[in-house]
C-alpha atoms as a PDB file:
ATOM      1  CA  MET A   1      63.452  65.061 115.059  1.00  0.00           C
ATOM      2  CA  GLU A   2      65.564  66.056 111.950  1.00  0.00           C
ATOM      3  CA  ALA A   3      66.128  69.430 113.568  1.00  0.00           C
ATOM      4  CA  MET A   4      67.276  67.887 116.826  1.00  0.00           C
ATOM      5  CA  LYS A   5      69.725  65.319 115.232  1.00  0.00           C
ATOM      6  CA  ALA A   6      71.248  68.250 113.130  1.00  0.00           C
ATOM      7  CA  LYS A   7      71.667  70.258 116.512  1.00  0.00           C
ATOM      8  CA  VAL A   8      73.263  67.302 118.459  1.00  0.00           C
ATOM      9  CA  GLY A   9      75.610  66.846 115.367  1.00  0.00           C
ATOM     10  CA  GLU A  10      76.780  70.422 115.597  1.00  0.00           C
ATOM     11  CA  ARG A  11      77.429  70.421 119.052  1.00  0.00           C
ATOM     12  CA  VAL A  12      79.622  67.128 118.740  1.00  0.00           C
ATOM     13  CA  ILE A  13      81.492  68.855 116.219  1.00  0.00           C
ATOM     14  CA  LYS A  14      81.946  71.819 117.868  1.00  0.00           C
ATOM     15  CA  ALA A  15      83.049  70.129 121.126  1.00  0.00           C
ATOM     16  CA  CYS A  16      85.591  67.976 118.703  1.00  0.00           C
ATOM     17  CA  MET A  17      87.075  70.874 117.257  1.00  0.00           C
ATOM     18  CA  CYS A  18      87.366  72.448 120.595  1.00  0.00           C
ATOM     19  CA  VAL A  19      89.218  69.444 121.913  1.00  0.00           C
ATOM     20  CA  ILE A  20      91.241  69.514 119.266  1.00  0.00           C
ATOM     21  CA  ALA A  21      92.223  73.276 119.816  1.00  0.00           C
ATOM     22  CA  LEU A  22      92.961  72.557 123.262  1.00  0.00           C
ATOM     23  CA  ILE A  23      95.407  69.668 122.354  1.00  0.00           C
ATOM     24  CA  SER A  24      97.017  71.742 120.005  1.00  0.00           C
ATOM     25  CA  VAL A  25      97.401  74.503 122.433  1.00  0.00           C
ATOM     26  CA  ALA A  26      98.761  71.886 125.148  1.00  0.00           C
ATOM     27  CA  VAL A  27     101.390  70.647 122.907  1.00  0.00           C
ATOM     28  CA  LEU A  28     102.799  73.783 122.232  1.00  0.00           C
ATOM     29  CA  LEU A  29     102.742  75.082 126.227  1.00  0.00           C
ATOM     30  CA  THR A  30     104.333  71.609 126.734  1.00  0.00           C
ATOM     31  CA  VAL A  31     107.140  72.117 124.383  1.00  0.00           C
ATOM     32  CA  VAL A  32     107.689  75.522 125.672  1.00  0.00           C
ATOM     33  CA  GLY A  33     107.327  74.535 129.230  1.00  0.00           C
ATOM     34  CA  TYR A  34     109.949  71.901 128.854  1.00  0.00           C
ATOM     35  CA  ILE A  35     112.413  74.147 127.236  1.00  0.00           C
ATOM     36  CA  PHE A  36     111.804  76.817 130.138  1.00  0.00           C
ATOM     37  CA  PHE A  37     112.218  74.816 132.630  1.00  0.00           C
ATOM     38  CA  TYR A  38     115.563  73.154 131.693  1.00  0.00           C
ATOM     39  CA  GLY A  39     116.925  76.077 129.832  1.00  0.00           C
ATOM     40  CA  MET A  40     116.398  78.544 132.991  1.00  0.00           C
ATOM     41  CA  HIS A  41     119.603  77.133 134.288  1.00  0.00           C
ATOM     42  CA  ALA A  42     121.827  78.076 131.969  1.00  0.00           C
ATOM     43  CA  ILE A  43     120.550  81.623 131.564  1.00  0.00           C
ATOM     44  CA  SER A  44     122.933  84.300 133.064  1.00  0.00           C
ATOM     45  CA  PRO A  45     124.469  87.789 132.258  1.00  0.00           C
ATOM     46  CA  GLY A  46     127.379  85.734 131.610  1.00  0.00           C
ATOM     47  CA  PHE A  47     125.986  83.086 129.285  1.00  0.00           C
ATOM     48  CA  LEU A  48     124.202  86.077 127.368  1.00  0.00           C
ATOM     49  CA  LEU A  49     127.237  88.511 126.970  1.00  0.00           C
ATOM     50  CA  LYS A  50     130.115  86.185 126.601  1.00  0.00           C
ATOM     51  CA  SER A  51     131.680  84.349 123.652  1.00  0.00           C
ATOM     52  CA  PRO A  52     131.550  80.946 123.254  1.00  0.00           C
ATOM     53  CA  ASP A  53     134.389  78.602 125.103  1.00  0.00           C
ATOM     54  CA  TYR A  54     134.143  75.412 123.298  1.00  0.00           C
ATOM     55  CA  THR A  55     137.022  73.931 125.823  1.00  0.00           C
ATOM     56  CA  ALA A  56     134.614  74.653 128.950  1.00  0.00           C
ATOM     57  CA  LEU A  57     130.624  75.643 127.986  1.00  0.00           C
ATOM     58  CA  ASP A  58     130.506  76.814 131.548  1.00  0.00           C
ATOM     59  CA  ARG A  59     132.983  79.588 130.823  1.00  0.00           C
ATOM     60  CA  GLY A  60     131.219  81.025 127.683  1.00  0.00           C
ATOM     61  CA  GLY A  61     128.411  82.592 126.306  1.00  0.00           C
ATOM     62  CA  ILE A  62     126.302  82.849 123.249  1.00  0.00           C
ATOM     63  CA  LEU A  63     126.443  86.259 122.450  1.00  0.00           C
ATOM     64  CA  PRO A  64     127.881  86.079 118.874  1.00  0.00           C
ATOM     65  CA  GLN A  65     125.221  83.335 118.222  1.00  0.00           C
ATOM     66  CA  ILE A  66     122.482  85.633 119.205  1.00  0.00           C
ATOM     67  CA  ILE A  67     123.915  88.969 116.989  1.00  0.00           C
ATOM     68  CA  GLY A  68     124.478  86.129 114.230  1.00  0.00           C
ATOM     69  CA  SER A  69     121.082  84.685 114.319  1.00  0.00           C
ATOM     70  CA  LEU A  70     119.679  88.528 114.086  1.00  0.00           C
ATOM     71  CA  CYS A  71     122.048  89.403 111.173  1.00  0.00           C
ATOM     72  CA  LEU A  72     120.883  86.238 109.203  1.00  0.00           C
ATOM     73  CA  LEU A  73     117.652  87.210 109.676  1.00  0.00           C
ATOM     74  CA  GLY A  74     118.081  90.799 108.591  1.00  0.00           C
ATOM     75  CA  VAL A  75     119.922  89.595 105.208  1.00  0.00           C
ATOM     76  CA  CYS A  76     117.393  87.004 104.685  1.00  0.00           C
ATOM     77  CA  LEU A  77     114.577  89.208 105.256  1.00  0.00           C
ATOM     78  CA  LEU A  78     115.957  92.335 103.015  1.00  0.00           C
ATOM     79  CA  PHE A  79     116.668  89.680 100.054  1.00  0.00           C
ATOM     80  CA  ALA A  80     113.637  87.839 100.230  1.00  0.00           C
ATOM     81  CA  VAL A  81     110.478  90.616 101.504  1.00  0.00           C
ATOM     82  CA  PRO A  82     110.845  92.947  98.528  1.00  0.00           C
ATOM     83  CA  LEU A  83     111.279  90.252  95.932  1.00  0.00           C
ATOM     84  CA  GLY A  84     108.454  88.245  97.431  1.00  0.00           C
ATOM     85  CA  ILE A  85     106.216  90.963  97.701  1.00  0.00           C
ATOM     86  CA  ALA A  86     106.715  92.398  94.095  1.00  0.00           C
ATOM     87  CA  SER A  87     106.439  88.635  92.963  1.00  0.00           C
ATOM     88  CA  GLY A  88     102.883  88.407  94.891  1.00  0.00           C
ATOM     89  CA  ILE A  89     101.615  92.050  93.250  1.00  0.00           C
ATOM     90  CA  TYR A  90     102.712  90.543  89.783  1.00  0.00           C
ATOM     91  CA  LEU A  91     101.039  87.592  90.093  1.00  0.00           C
ATOM     92  CA  ALA A  92      97.774  89.131  91.733  1.00  0.00           C
ATOM     93  CA  GLU A  93      97.547  92.381  89.931  1.00  0.00           C
ATOM     94  CA  TYR A  94      99.152  92.262  86.440  1.00  0.00           C
ATOM     95  CA  ALA A  95      99.986  88.655  85.147  1.00  0.00           C
ATOM     96  CA  THR A  96      97.034  87.156  83.011  1.00  0.00           C
ATOM     97  CA  GLU A  97      95.966  83.399  83.999  1.00  0.00           C
ATOM     98  CA  ASN A  98      97.964  81.304  81.142  1.00  0.00           C
ATOM     99  CA  VAL A  99     100.125  78.400  81.353  1.00  0.00           C
ATOM    100  CA  ILE A 100     103.192  80.443  82.224  1.00  0.00           C
ATOM    101  CA  THR A 101     101.656  82.103  85.208  1.00  0.00           C
ATOM    102  CA  LYS A 102     100.251  78.585  86.437  1.00  0.00           C
ATOM    103  CA  SER A 103     103.793  77.175  85.931  1.00  0.00           C
ATOM    104  CA  VAL A 104     105.209  80.085  87.903  1.00  0.00           C
ATOM    105  CA  ARG A 105     102.824  79.351  90.803  1.00  0.00           C
ATOM    106  CA  PHE A 106     103.611  75.576  90.453  1.00  0.00           C
ATOM    107  CA  PHE A 107     107.157  76.041  90.647  1.00  0.00           C
ATOM    108  CA  VAL A 108     106.594  78.541  94.059  1.00  0.00           C
ATOM    109  CA  GLU A 109     104.655  75.923  95.641  1.00  0.00           C
ATOM    110  CA  CYS A 110     107.431  73.152  94.831  1.00  0.00           C
ATOM    111  CA  LEU A 111     110.292  75.301  96.068  1.00  0.00           C
ATOM    112  CA  ALA A 112     108.317  75.820  99.573  1.00  0.00           C
ATOM    113  CA  GLY A 113     108.188  72.046  99.946  1.00  0.00           C
ATOM    114  CA  ILE A 114     112.082  71.720  99.048  1.00  0.00           C
ATOM    115  CA  PRO A 115     113.827  69.945 101.867  1.00  0.00           C
ATOM    116  CA  SER A 116     115.982  72.576 103.833  1.00  0.00           C
ATOM    117  CA  ILE A 117     119.055  70.188 103.311  1.00  0.00           C
ATOM    118  CA  VAL A 118     118.907  70.835  99.801  1.00  0.00           C
ATOM    119  CA  ILE A 119     118.632  74.863  99.981  1.00  0.00           C
ATOM    120  CA  GLY A 120     121.670  74.237 102.202  1.00  0.00           C
ATOM    121  CA  LEU A 121     123.779  72.222  99.436  1.00  0.00           C
ATOM    122  CA  PHE A 122     122.625  74.903  96.712  1.00  0.00           C
ATOM    123  CA  GLY A 123     123.623  77.673  99.123  1.00  0.00           C
ATOM    124  CA  LEU A 124     127.145  75.930  99.774  1.00  0.00           C
ATOM    125  CA  ILE A 125     127.829  75.034  95.797  1.00  0.00           C
ATOM    126  CA  PHE A 126     126.505  78.222  94.099  1.00  0.00           C
ATOM    127  CA  LEU A 127     126.819  81.096  97.112  1.00  0.00           C
ATOM    128  CA  VAL A 128     130.314  79.665  98.731  1.00  0.00           C
ATOM    129  CA  TYR A 129     132.206  77.882  95.985  1.00  0.00           C
ATOM    130  CA  TYR A 130     130.820  79.402  92.523  1.00  0.00           C
ATOM    131  CA  LEU A 131     130.321  82.946  93.505  1.00  0.00           C
ATOM    132  CA  GLY A 132     133.066  82.824  96.035  1.00  0.00           C
ATOM    133  CA  PHE A 133     131.431  84.528  99.059  1.00  0.00           C
ATOM    134  CA  GLY A 134     132.656  81.665 101.256  1.00  0.00           C
ATOM    135  CA  PRO A 135     131.259  80.481 104.384  1.00  0.00           C
ATOM    136  CA  SER A 136     129.941  84.017 105.674  1.00  0.00           C
ATOM    137  CA  LEU A 137     126.935  86.194 106.735  1.00  0.00           C
ATOM    138  CA  LEU A 138     125.936  87.052 102.990  1.00  0.00           C
ATOM    139  CA  SER A 139     125.948  83.234 101.929  1.00  0.00           C
ATOM    140  CA  GLY A 140     123.899  82.463 105.077  1.00  0.00           C
ATOM    141  CA  GLY A 141     121.240  85.069 104.811  1.00  0.00           C
ATOM    142  CA  LEU A 142     120.565  84.703 100.918  1.00  0.00           C
ATOM    143  CA  ALA A 143     120.316  80.987 101.359  1.00  0.00           C
ATOM    144  CA  LEU A 144     117.759  81.467 104.166  1.00  0.00           C
ATOM    145  CA  GLY A 145     115.874  83.969 101.645  1.00  0.00           C
ATOM    146  CA  PHE A 146     115.977  81.421  98.989  1.00  0.00           C
ATOM    147  CA  MET A 147     114.020  79.129 101.458  1.00  0.00           C
ATOM    148  CA  ILE A 148     111.433  81.601 102.805  1.00  0.00           C
ATOM    149  CA  LEU A 149     110.959  83.338  99.503  1.00  0.00           C
ATOM    150  CA  PRO A 150     107.898  81.209  98.139  1.00  0.00           C
ATOM    151  CA  TRP A 151     106.254  81.785 101.688  1.00  0.00           C
ATOM    152  CA  THR A 152     106.429  85.449 101.047  1.00  0.00           C
ATOM    153  CA  VAL A 153     105.369  85.135  97.494  1.00  0.00           C
ATOM    154  CA  ARG A 154     102.188  83.118  98.509  1.00  0.00           C
ATOM    155  CA  ALA A 155     101.313  84.976 101.472  1.00  0.00           C
ATOM    156  CA  SER A 156     101.587  88.508  99.589  1.00  0.00           C
ATOM    157  CA  GLU A 157      99.441  87.364  96.570  1.00  0.00           C
ATOM    158  CA  GLU A 158      96.868  85.829  98.594  1.00  0.00           C
ATOM    159  CA  ALA A 159      96.605  88.978 100.922  1.00  0.00           C
ATOM    160  CA  ILE A 160      96.384  90.875  97.607  1.00  0.00           C
ATOM    161  CA  LYS A 161      93.842  88.929  95.824  1.00  0.00           C
ATOM    162  CA  ALA A 162      91.759  89.085  99.269  1.00  0.00           C
ATOM    163  CA  VAL A 163      91.240  92.806  98.807  1.00  0.00           C
ATOM    164  CA  PRO A 164      88.012  93.665  97.523  1.00  0.00           C
ATOM    165  CA  ASP A 165      87.277  94.860  93.977  1.00  0.00           C
ATOM    166  CA  SER A 166      85.323  97.549  94.918  1.00  0.00           C
ATOM    167  CA  TYR A 167      88.394  99.540  96.541  1.00  0.00           C
ATOM    168  CA  ARG A 168      90.442  98.938  93.100  1.00  0.00           C
ATOM    169  CA  GLU A 169      87.077 100.155  91.237  1.00  0.00           C
ATOM    170  CA  ALA A 170      86.769 103.334  93.589  1.00  0.00           C
ATOM    171  CA  SER A 171      90.535 104.066  93.079  1.00  0.00           C
ATOM    172  CA  LEU A 172      90.439 103.902  89.334  1.00  0.00           C
ATOM    173  CA  ALA A 173      87.046 105.951  89.298  1.00  0.00           C
ATOM    174  CA  LEU A 174      88.963 108.615  91.030  1.00  0.00           C
ATOM    175  CA  GLY A 175      91.549 109.214  88.198  1.00  0.00           C
ATOM    176  CA  ALA A 176      94.214 106.933  89.885  1.00  0.00           C
ATOM    177  CA  SER A 177      96.717 104.723  87.670  1.00  0.00           C
ATOM    178  CA  LYS A 178      96.915 101.081  87.998  1.00  0.00           C
ATOM    179  CA  TRP A 179     100.122 101.560  90.223  1.00  0.00           C
ATOM    180  CA  GLN A 180      99.028 104.350  92.230  1.00  0.00           C
ATOM    181  CA  THR A 181      95.961 102.051  93.123  1.00  0.00           C
ATOM    182  CA  VAL A 182      98.204  99.017  94.007  1.00  0.00           C
ATOM    183  CA  ARG A 183     100.412 101.158  96.233  1.00  0.00           C
ATOM    184  CA  GLY A 184      98.301 103.593  97.721  1.00  0.00           C
ATOM    185  CA  VAL A 185      94.863 101.340  98.313  1.00  0.00           C
ATOM    186  CA  VAL A 186      95.552  97.429  97.695  1.00  0.00           C
ATOM    187  CA  LEU A 187      99.049  96.912  99.595  1.00  0.00           C
ATOM    188  CA  LYS A 188      97.762  98.952 102.501  1.00  0.00           C
ATOM    189  CA  SER A 189      94.514  97.015 102.846  1.00  0.00           C
ATOM    190  CA  ALA A 190      96.540  93.663 102.211  1.00  0.00           C
ATOM    191  CA  TYR A 191      99.524  94.805 104.709  1.00  0.00           C
ATOM    192  CA  PRO A 192      98.137  92.549 107.391  1.00  0.00           C
ATOM    193  CA  GLY A 193      98.213  89.326 105.498  1.00  0.00           C
ATOM    194  CA  ILE A 194     101.468  90.024 104.045  1.00  0.00           C
ATOM    195  CA  ILE A 195     103.089  90.823 107.614  1.00  0.00           C
ATOM    196  CA  THR A 196     101.799  87.540 108.826  1.00  0.00           C
ATOM    197  CA  GLY A 197     103.256  85.743 105.764  1.00  0.00           C
ATOM    198  CA  ILE A 198     106.768  87.459 106.392  1.00  0.00           C
ATOM    199  CA  LEU A 199     106.261  86.492 110.193  1.00  0.00           C
ATOM    200  CA  LEU A 200     105.794  82.948 109.224  1.00  0.00           C
ATOM    201  CA  GLY A 201     108.565  82.766 106.931  1.00  0.00           C
ATOM    202  CA  ALA A 202     110.961  84.748 109.580  1.00  0.00           C
ATOM    203  CA  GLY A 203     110.242  81.988 112.197  1.00  0.00           C
ATOM    204  CA  LYS A 204     110.941  79.335 109.780  1.00  0.00           C
ATOM    205  CA  ALA A 205     114.553  81.013 109.229  1.00  0.00           C
ATOM    206  CA  ILE A 206     115.542  81.971 112.241  1.00  0.00           C
ATOM    207  CA  GLY A 207     115.133  78.513 113.478  1.00  0.00           C
ATOM    208  CA  GLU A 208     116.953  76.725 110.527  1.00  0.00           C
ATOM    209  CA  ALA A 209     120.247  75.123 111.190  1.00  0.00           C
ATOM    210  CA  ALA A 210     120.974  72.540 107.872  1.00  0.00           C
ATOM    211  CA  VAL A 211     120.998  75.826 105.829  1.00  0.00           C
ATOM    212  CA  ILE A 212     123.301  77.929 108.244  1.00  0.00           C
ATOM    213  CA  LEU A 213     125.502  74.943 108.711  1.00  0.00           C
ATOM    214  CA  LEU A 214     126.520  74.625 105.200  1.00  0.00           C
ATOM    215  CA  THR A 215     126.776  78.136 104.469  1.00  0.00           C
ATOM    216  CA  THR A 216     128.070  79.850 107.222  1.00  0.00           C
ATOM    217  CA  GLY A 217     130.912  79.184 109.758  1.00  0.00           C
ATOM    218  CA  GLY A 218     130.805  76.398 112.644  1.00  0.00           C
ATOM    219  CA  LEU A 219     132.133  76.964 115.862  1.00  0.00           C
ATOM    220  CA  VAL A 220     132.190  80.951 115.543  1.00  0.00           C
ATOM    221  CA  THR A 221     133.531  82.866 118.832  1.00  0.00           C
ATOM    222  CA  TYR A 222     133.403  86.230 117.451  1.00  0.00           C
ATOM    223  CA  LEU A 223     131.002  88.666 116.018  1.00  0.00           C
ATOM    224  CA  PRO A 224     130.579  89.544 112.252  1.00  0.00           C
ATOM    225  CA  HIS A 225     131.991  92.955 110.974  1.00  0.00           C
ATOM    226  CA  SER A 226     131.070  92.549 107.420  1.00  0.00           C
ATOM    227  CA  LEU A 227     128.890  90.832 105.292  1.00  0.00           C
ATOM    228  CA  LEU A 228     131.745  88.114 104.126  1.00  0.00           C
ATOM    229  CA  ASP A 229     132.631  87.398 107.606  1.00  0.00           C
ATOM    230  CA  ASP A 230     132.200  84.042 109.220  1.00  0.00           C
ATOM    231  CA  VAL A 231     128.771  84.082 111.535  1.00  0.00           C
ATOM    232  CA  GLY A 232     127.572  82.048 114.456  1.00  0.00           C
ATOM    233  CA  ALA A 233     123.841  81.306 114.847  1.00  0.00           C
ATOM    234  CA  LEU A 234     121.765  79.727 117.888  1.00  0.00           C
ATOM    235  CA  PRO A 235     120.666  76.625 115.625  1.00  0.00           C
ATOM    236  CA  VAL A 236     124.098  75.773 114.947  1.00  0.00           C
ATOM    237  CA  TYR A 237     125.436  76.218 118.439  1.00  0.00           C
ATOM    238  CA  ILE A 238     122.900  73.902 119.984  1.00  0.00           C
ATOM    239  CA  TYR A 239     123.821  71.248 117.336  1.00  0.00           C
ATOM    240  CA  MET A 240     127.313  71.971 118.070  1.00  0.00           C
ATOM    241  CA  VAL A 241     127.301  71.602 121.648  1.00  0.00           C
ATOM    242  CA  LEU A 242     125.259  68.577 121.304  1.00  0.00           C
ATOM    243  CA  THR A 243     127.218  66.482 118.983  1.00  0.00           C
ATOM    244  CA  VAL A 244     130.613  68.075 118.568  1.00  0.00           C
ATOM    245  CA  VAL A 245     131.881  69.978 121.381  1.00  0.00           C
ATOM    246  CA  PRO A 246     133.339  67.705 124.178  1.00  0.00           C
ATOM    247  CA  ALA A 247     131.279  68.246 127.473  1.00  0.00           C
ATOM    248  CA  SER A 248     129.396  66.020 129.757  1.00  0.00           C
ATOM    249  CA  ARG A 249     126.056  65.187 128.827  1.00  0.00           C
ATOM    250  CA  ALA A 250     124.342  66.943 131.571  1.00  0.00           C
ATOM    251  CA  VAL A 251     126.507  70.203 130.820  1.00  0.00           C
ATOM    252  CA  ALA A 252     125.911  69.869 127.069  1.00  0.00           C
ATOM    253  CA  GLU A 253     122.026  69.593 127.455  1.00  0.00           C
ATOM    254  CA  SER A 254     121.730  72.500 129.881  1.00  0.00           C
ATOM    255  CA  TYR A 255     123.496  74.906 127.296  1.00  0.00           C
ATOM    256  CA  ALA A 256     121.404  73.658 124.472  1.00  0.00           C
ATOM    257  CA  PHE A 257     118.367  74.286 126.154  1.00  0.00           C
ATOM    258  CA  GLY A 258     119.351  77.780 127.384  1.00  0.00           C
ATOM    259  CA  ALA A 259     120.218  78.348 123.769  1.00  0.00           C
ATOM    260  CA  SER A 260     116.850  77.204 122.605  1.00  0.00           C
ATOM    261  CA  LEU A 261     114.909  79.259 125.141  1.00  0.00           C
ATOM    262  CA  VAL A 262     116.810  82.405 123.999  1.00  0.00           C
ATOM    263  CA  LEU A 263     116.053  81.353 120.473  1.00  0.00           C
ATOM    264  CA  ILE A 264     112.182  80.941 121.248  1.00  0.00           C
ATOM    265  CA  SER A 265     112.282  84.294 123.254  1.00  0.00           C
ATOM    266  CA  ILE A 266     113.828  86.199 120.206  1.00  0.00           C
ATOM    267  CA  PHE A 267     110.868  84.650 117.955  1.00  0.00           C
ATOM    268  CA  MET A 268     108.499  85.857 120.696  1.00  0.00           C
ATOM    269  CA  LEU A 269     109.487  89.288 120.762  1.00  0.00           C
ATOM    270  CA  ILE A 270     110.005  89.610 117.031  1.00  0.00           C
ATOM    271  CA  SER A 271     106.293  88.146 116.875  1.00  0.00           C
ATOM    272  CA  VAL A 272     104.862  90.230 119.377  1.00  0.00           C
ATOM    273  CA  PHE A 273     106.244  93.385 117.726  1.00  0.00           C
ATOM    274  CA  ALA A 274     105.026  92.314 114.288  1.00  0.00           C
ATOM    275  CA  MET A 275     101.360  91.590 115.726  1.00  0.00           C
ATOM    276  CA  SER A 276     101.280  94.874 117.434  1.00  0.00           C
ATOM    277  CA  LEU A 277     102.299  96.786 114.411  1.00  0.00           C
ATOM    278  CA  ARG A 278      99.701  95.032 112.322  1.00  0.00           C
ATOM    279  CA  ASN A 279      96.870  95.124 114.847  1.00  0.00           C
ATOM    280  CA  ARG A 280      97.526  98.992 115.332  1.00  0.00           C
ATOM    281  CA  TYR A 281      97.717  99.221 111.346  1.00  0.00           C
ATOM    282  CA  VAL A 282      94.370  97.658 111.100  1.00  0.00           C
ATOM    283  CA  ARG A 283      92.738  99.543 114.002  1.00  0.00           C
ATOM    284  CA  ARG A 284      93.999 103.094 111.969  1.00  0.00           C
ATOM    285  CA  MET A 285      92.229 101.500 108.611  1.00  0.00           C
ATOM    286  CA  SER A 286      89.452 100.738 110.270  1.00  0.00           C
ATOM    287  CA  VAL A 287      88.828 104.106 111.838  1.00  0.00           C
ATOM    288  CA  ILE A 288      89.756 105.786 108.510  1.00  0.00           C
ATOM    289  CA  ARG A 289      87.319 103.620 106.612  1.00  0.00           C
ATOM    290  CA  GLY A 290      84.534 104.135 109.432  1.00  0.00           C
END
């Protein structure tokens, strides 16, 4: 009798988890489908290849915003990824468990929870004004790097910790040094988890508006030619179109949905590329171990 009740309870829990998972997928598909339906009306070659015309949206496009978003993401990742992975290696492989290490982890987790507007304010005061970078690609990219750095650190640390100790012991037994073991064995095994963390950070960075709005240019209509140039971005364009640019509500919403669809498409392409790279690496490692 008790065994039957346990089986029934297990089935109920399984069914509930399945329903919750389906609801999550349905919410995602609803949001993406809604944006796709309303955004497709604005998508055209001119919209993708022209510069914005903020006096008449229907004559302009979002090319500088697309390029600007990719440039900001590139600067952000170039800053945050090496620093985050190095910090994760230190915390997982070299740091001893003491008050200092625990404090570092605590402050990293606190940094992950800081509102983006606060990161943007810090970027405005420190990068734009104090360091003199001005509203620029460099200021925006570094500020975004500050925002995603804790994600990269924690993802790298957890991925490295998940590597079995037997891998390290086998490498050390063959005469490899600590660093050779970390670089040649541990990091290669932790690569999929690190990629996932970087991808999550990239998704957060490419869709951020508050940080970019405070550290880069606003109504930008040209491509950046250096790190110190003003730069446009899709999230800022969406905000400006809906709140600042004089246009009818229907036109503004149409172009905002179009820019949102492009933004989602860019992130989807980055995600597919990263996942394909990760899965290919996992398969190759499986063949080597087999």
